[in-house]
Amino acid sequence: MSNGLLSGKKIAIFGVANKRSIAYSIAKALAREGASLALSYQGERLKDTVQEFADELGATYVAPCDVTDEAELTAFFSGLKDEFGSLDCLVHSVAFALKDDLRGRYIDISREGSKIAHDVSADSLRVLAQAAEPMMNEGGSIMTLTYLGSTFAFPNYNVMGPAKASLEATVRYLAYDLGEKKIRVNAISAPPVKTLAARTISGLSEMLAAYEDKAPLGLQDVDSVADVAVFLASDLSRSITAETLICDGGYSRMGL
């Protein structure tokens, strides 16, 4: 059921890759509440898939944007400005690590793999915020997706743990910089979800079972995460910034 919380809001979403991705569920929830959407995709192989999502959700702007490619970043935001004029919200759901760096011991990961994980998964938020800032003259909301592995060690999460810790620190520093322009910056700490990307993490099934067993509310689904994103995109969250909102059913607050 829609309450029209985001009617008139213009929102750009980065990271929609398939129907199992958290970003897709967030895009559906934002569209449900009346937002006008812009979607990015990385590489030609995802172009048709993301275009289908855009048609389904009524997104009016779809363009490639590899967050590590300056030319694509510039072109994406140039086209976005032509389409929207201004921007109310940006959703960052971008993360990547080399497959071999998501198994075994953290100490053994490659130096290059560490650089890639931090660049794509953490610093890209700063880069996107930098590009979006000139379009957010009336204030707005920037949000990203993180995980409890930023704070606690999980077997095989490895390089993504420090990358997510860096991402959460980036949230706080961006919130400090952008607060004077009434731009809020927050993170959503999601539970483990059976996305295609998460399947590259060895031991995912054990993580899911642990949440199901320990969380007072049980293992949460992507729709619960998406509804938190709606809140952060709406004016209801106008006093919240520099925060990591944990929506894991209480798992992170339990002892035994």
Protein backbone atom coordinates (compact mmCIF):
# COMPACT_ATOMS: atom_id res chain seq x y z
CA MET A 1 0.00 0.00 0.00
CA SER A 2 1.34 3.42 -0.97
CA ASN A 3 1.15 6.50 1.23
CA GLY A 4 2.70 8.77 -1.38
CA LEU A 5 5.56 9.64 0.98
CA LEU A 6 7.92 10.39 -1.90
CA SER A 7 5.61 12.13 -4.38
CA GLY A 8 7.64 14.68 -6.30
CA LYS A 9 10.99 13.30 -5.14
CA LYS A 10 13.70 12.66 -7.74
CA ILE A 11 15.95 9.76 -6.81
CA ALA A 12 19.01 8.19 -8.44
CA ILE A 13 19.78 4.56 -7.57
CA PHE A 14 23.14 2.91 -8.11
CA GLY A 15 23.53 -0.85 -7.87
CA VAL A 16 20.37 -2.36 -9.35
CA ALA A 17 21.62 -5.53 -11.00
CA ASN A 18 18.92 -8.20 -10.73
CA LYS A 19 15.63 -8.91 -8.98
CA ARG A 20 17.40 -10.41 -5.98
CA SER A 21 19.49 -7.32 -5.32
CA ILE A 22 18.67 -5.10 -2.36
CA ALA A 23 18.81 -2.11 -4.69
CA TYR A 24 15.97 -3.55 -6.80
CA SER A 25 13.75 -3.95 -3.73
CA ILE A 26 14.58 -0.39 -2.69
CA ALA A 27 13.76 0.88 -6.18
CA LYS A 28 10.37 -0.87 -6.05
CA ALA A 29 9.57 0.64 -2.65
CA LEU A 30 10.60 4.15 -3.71
CA ALA A 31 8.52 3.90 -6.89
CA ARG A 32 5.57 2.62 -4.84
CA GLU A 33 5.71 5.81 -2.79
CA GLY A 34 5.62 8.04 -5.86
CA ALA A 35 9.28 8.85 -6.49
CA SER A 36 10.67 9.57 -9.95
CA LEU A 37 13.62 7.25 -10.49
CA ALA A 38 16.90 7.21 -12.38
CA LEU A 39 18.80 3.93 -12.64
CA SER A 40 22.41 3.19 -13.49
CA TYR A 41 23.96 0.01 -14.81
CA GLN A 42 27.51 -1.25 -15.14
CA GLY A 43 28.47 -2.76 -18.46
CA GLU A 44 26.48 -3.65 -21.54
CA ARG A 45 25.52 -7.08 -20.18
CA LEU A 46 23.24 -5.39 -17.61
CA LYS A 47 21.78 -2.78 -19.94
CA ASP A 48 18.71 -4.73 -21.09
CA THR A 49 17.97 -6.07 -17.60
CA VAL A 50 18.08 -2.65 -15.96
CA GLN A 51 16.04 -1.16 -18.81
CA GLU A 52 13.35 -3.76 -18.10
CA PHE A 53 13.35 -2.70 -14.46
CA ALA A 54 13.12 0.94 -15.52
CA ASP A 55 10.09 0.18 -17.69
CA GLU A 56 8.49 -1.75 -14.83
CA LEU A 57 9.09 1.00 -12.27
CA GLY A 58 8.53 4.00 -14.53
CA ALA A 59 12.12 5.21 -14.29
CA THR A 60 12.68 7.96 -16.84
CA TYR A 61 16.47 7.97 -16.95
CA VAL A 62 18.71 4.94 -17.44
CA ALA A 63 22.41 5.21 -18.25
CA PRO A 64 25.71 3.39 -17.70
CA CYS A 65 27.79 4.38 -14.70
CA ASP A 66 30.88 2.49 -13.62
CA VAL A 67 31.81 4.25 -10.37
CA THR A 68 35.51 3.79 -11.16
CA ASP A 69 35.22 5.45 -14.58
CA GLU A 70 35.40 9.25 -14.46
CA ALA A 71 34.06 9.66 -18.00
CA GLU A 72 30.97 7.56 -17.28
CA LEU A 73 30.37 9.37 -13.98
CA THR A 74 30.50 12.74 -15.71
CA ALA A 75 28.22 11.60 -18.54
CA PHE A 76 25.71 10.02 -16.14
CA PHE A 77 25.28 13.13 -14.02
CA SER A 78 25.24 15.41 -17.05
CA GLY A 79 22.35 13.42 -18.49
CA LEU A 80 20.68 13.25 -15.07
CA LYS A 81 20.75 17.02 -14.77
CA ASP A 82 19.19 17.36 -18.20
CA GLU A 83 16.45 14.90 -17.24
CA PHE A 84 15.70 15.91 -13.64
CA GLY A 85 17.23 19.34 -13.17
CA SER A 86 17.63 18.68 -9.46
CA LEU A 87 18.01 15.66 -7.20
CA ASP A 88 16.39 14.84 -3.85
CA CYS A 89 17.99 11.52 -3.00
CA LEU A 90 20.82 9.21 -3.99
CA VAL A 91 20.93 5.50 -3.13
CA HIS A 92 24.38 3.87 -3.13
CA SER A 93 24.18 0.07 -3.22
CA VAL A 94 27.55 -0.64 -4.78
CA ALA A 95 30.08 -3.16 -3.49
CA PHE A 96 32.67 -5.47 -4.98
CA ALA A 97 35.54 -7.69 -3.90
CA LEU A 98 37.54 -10.28 -5.76
CA LYS A 99 36.05 -13.73 -5.26
CA ASP A 100 39.28 -15.17 -3.89
CA ASP A 101 39.36 -12.45 -1.22
CA LEU A 102 36.02 -13.64 0.22
CA ARG A 103 37.30 -16.99 1.44
CA GLY A 104 40.11 -18.28 3.59
CA ARG A 105 42.06 -15.92 5.85
CA TYR A 106 41.79 -12.14 5.75
CA ILE A 107 45.54 -11.83 6.32
CA ASP A 108 46.18 -13.65 3.05
CA ILE A 109 44.16 -11.43 0.71
CA SER A 110 45.94 -9.65 -2.10
CA ARG A 111 47.04 -6.04 -1.78
CA GLU A 112 45.36 -5.25 -5.09
CA GLY A 113 42.16 -6.91 -3.89
CA SER A 114 42.11 -4.69 -0.82
CA LYS A 115 42.47 -1.58 -2.98
CA ILE A 116 39.67 -2.67 -5.30
CA ALA A 117 37.28 -3.48 -2.46
CA HIS A 118 37.81 -0.14 -0.75
CA ASP A 119 37.64 1.88 -3.96
CA VAL A 120 34.42 0.33 -5.25
CA SER A 121 32.65 -0.43 -1.97
CA ALA A 122 33.55 2.63 0.12
CA ASP A 123 35.17 5.54 -1.69
CA SER A 124 32.59 5.39 -4.48
CA LEU A 125 30.07 6.87 -2.03
CA ARG A 126 32.22 9.98 -1.71
CA VAL A 127 32.65 10.16 -5.47
CA LEU A 128 28.89 9.89 -6.11
CA ALA A 129 28.09 12.42 -3.37
CA GLN A 130 30.59 14.82 -4.90
CA ALA A 131 28.85 14.54 -8.27
CA ALA A 132 25.36 14.79 -6.80
CA GLU A 133 25.96 17.75 -4.48
CA PRO A 134 25.48 20.47 -7.15
CA MET A 135 22.04 19.01 -7.96
CA MET A 136 20.88 18.95 -4.32
CA ASN A 137 20.49 22.67 -3.67
CA GLU A 138 17.24 22.16 -1.74
CA GLY A 139 18.76 19.62 0.63
CA GLY A 140 18.09 15.92 0.36
CA SER A 141 19.16 12.44 1.39
CA ILE A 142 22.09 10.21 0.50
CA MET A 143 22.07 6.62 1.74
CA THR A 144 24.21 3.54 1.41
CA LEU A 145 24.08 -0.15 2.36
CA THR A 146 26.41 -1.66 4.93
CA TYR A 147 26.66 -4.81 7.06
CA LEU A 148 27.57 -5.77 10.62
CA GLY A 149 30.87 -7.13 9.31
CA SER A 150 32.08 -3.54 9.60
CA THR A 151 32.11 -3.93 13.39
CA PHE A 152 32.40 -7.66 14.06
CA ALA A 153 34.54 -10.29 12.36
CA PHE A 154 32.62 -12.84 10.28
CA PRO A 155 34.45 -15.80 8.74
CA ASN A 156 35.09 -15.30 5.02
CA TYR A 157 33.62 -11.76 4.93
CA ASN A 158 37.27 -10.77 4.99
CA VAL A 159 38.14 -7.67 2.95
CA MET A 160 34.53 -6.47 2.90
CA GLY A 161 34.63 -5.93 6.67
CA PRO A 162 37.26 -3.17 6.60
CA ALA A 163 35.69 -1.81 3.39
CA LYS A 164 32.30 -1.47 5.11
CA ALA A 165 33.97 0.13 8.14
CA SER A 166 35.49 2.66 5.74
CA LEU A 167 32.09 3.16 4.14
CA GLU A 168 30.48 3.95 7.49
CA ALA A 169 33.24 6.44 8.30
CA THR A 170 32.66 8.01 4.89
CA VAL A 171 28.99 8.45 5.82
CA ARG A 172 29.94 10.42 8.92
CA TYR A 173 32.43 12.67 7.16
CA LEU A 174 30.05 13.37 4.28
CA ALA A 175 27.29 14.16 6.78
CA TYR A 176 29.60 16.72 8.39
CA ASP A 177 30.49 18.32 5.06
CA LEU A 178 26.99 18.38 3.60
CA GLY A 179 24.95 19.23 6.68
CA GLU A 180 25.11 22.96 6.00
CA LYS A 181 23.30 22.29 2.71
CA LYS A 182 20.66 20.24 4.55
CA ILE A 183 21.82 17.05 2.84
CA ARG A 184 21.51 14.04 5.11
CA VAL A 185 23.88 11.07 4.76
CA ASN A 186 23.10 7.73 6.40
CA ALA A 187 23.72 4.00 6.09
CA ILE A 188 21.39 1.05 6.42
CA SER A 189 22.96 -2.01 8.01
CA ALA A 190 21.10 -4.87 6.37
CA PRO A 191 20.98 -8.52 7.46
CA PRO A 192 22.52 -11.19 5.24
CA VAL A 193 20.32 -11.64 2.18
CA LYS A 194 20.40 -14.32 -0.53
CA THR A 195 21.51 -11.99 -3.29
CA LEU A 196 23.62 -13.25 -6.18
CA ALA A 197 26.51 -11.11 -4.92
CA ALA A 198 26.25 -12.52 -1.39
CA ARG A 199 26.53 -16.06 -2.73
CA THR A 200 30.20 -15.41 -3.44
CA ILE A 201 30.79 -15.33 0.34
CA SER A 202 31.73 -18.77 1.59
CA GLY A 203 29.61 -19.71 4.61
CA LEU A 204 26.58 -17.60 3.71
CA SER A 205 24.18 -20.37 4.72
CA GLU A 206 25.71 -20.48 8.21
CA MET A 207 25.29 -16.71 8.55
CA LEU A 208 21.64 -16.93 7.54
CA ALA A 209 21.00 -19.75 10.02
CA ALA A 210 22.64 -17.80 12.85
CA TYR A 211 20.41 -14.77 12.22
CA GLU A 212 17.30 -16.91 12.04
CA ASP A 213 18.17 -18.54 15.34
CA LYS A 214 19.35 -15.49 17.31
CA ALA A 215 17.43 -12.44 16.04
CA PRO A 216 14.33 -11.78 18.19
CA LEU A 217 12.33 -10.89 15.07
CA GLY A 218 13.91 -13.59 12.96
CA LEU A 219 15.80 -13.16 9.70
CA GLN A 220 14.58 -10.02 7.95
CA ASP A 221 13.86 -9.89 4.22
CA VAL A 222 14.80 -7.28 1.63
CA ASP A 223 11.39 -5.61 1.84
CA SER A 224 12.10 -4.58 5.43
CA VAL A 225 15.35 -2.98 4.28
CA ALA A 226 13.53 -1.24 1.44
CA ASP A 227 11.01 0.31 3.82
CA VAL A 228 13.84 1.78 5.91
CA ALA A 229 15.16 3.28 2.67
CA VAL A 230 11.75 4.88 2.06
CA PHE A 231 11.95 6.45 5.52
CA LEU A 232 15.44 7.83 4.89
CA ALA A 233 14.41 9.21 1.50
CA SER A 234 11.35 10.93 2.97
CA ASP A 235 11.07 14.12 4.97
CA LEU A 236 10.20 12.02 8.01
CA SER A 237 13.95 11.49 8.50
CA ARG A 238 14.80 15.18 8.19
CA SER A 239 16.62 15.27 11.56
CA ILE A 240 18.69 12.10 11.03
CA THR A 241 22.19 12.17 9.56
CA ALA A 242 25.58 10.51 10.09
CA GLU A 243 23.83 7.39 11.36
CA THR A 244 23.96 3.67 10.62
CA LEU A 245 20.44 2.32 11.01
CA ILE A 246 20.56 -1.37 11.86
CA CYS A 247 17.58 -3.37 10.60
CA ASP A 248 18.60 -6.91 11.43
CA GLY A 249 15.69 -8.00 13.60
CA GLY A 250 17.67 -7.35 16.77
CA TYR A 251 20.48 -9.81 16.00
CA SER A 252 23.29 -7.32 16.71
CA ARG A 253 21.93 -6.48 20.18
CA MET A 254 21.70 -10.00 21.52
CA GLY A 255 24.28 -11.83 23.64
CA LEU A 256 23.68 -15.56 23.70
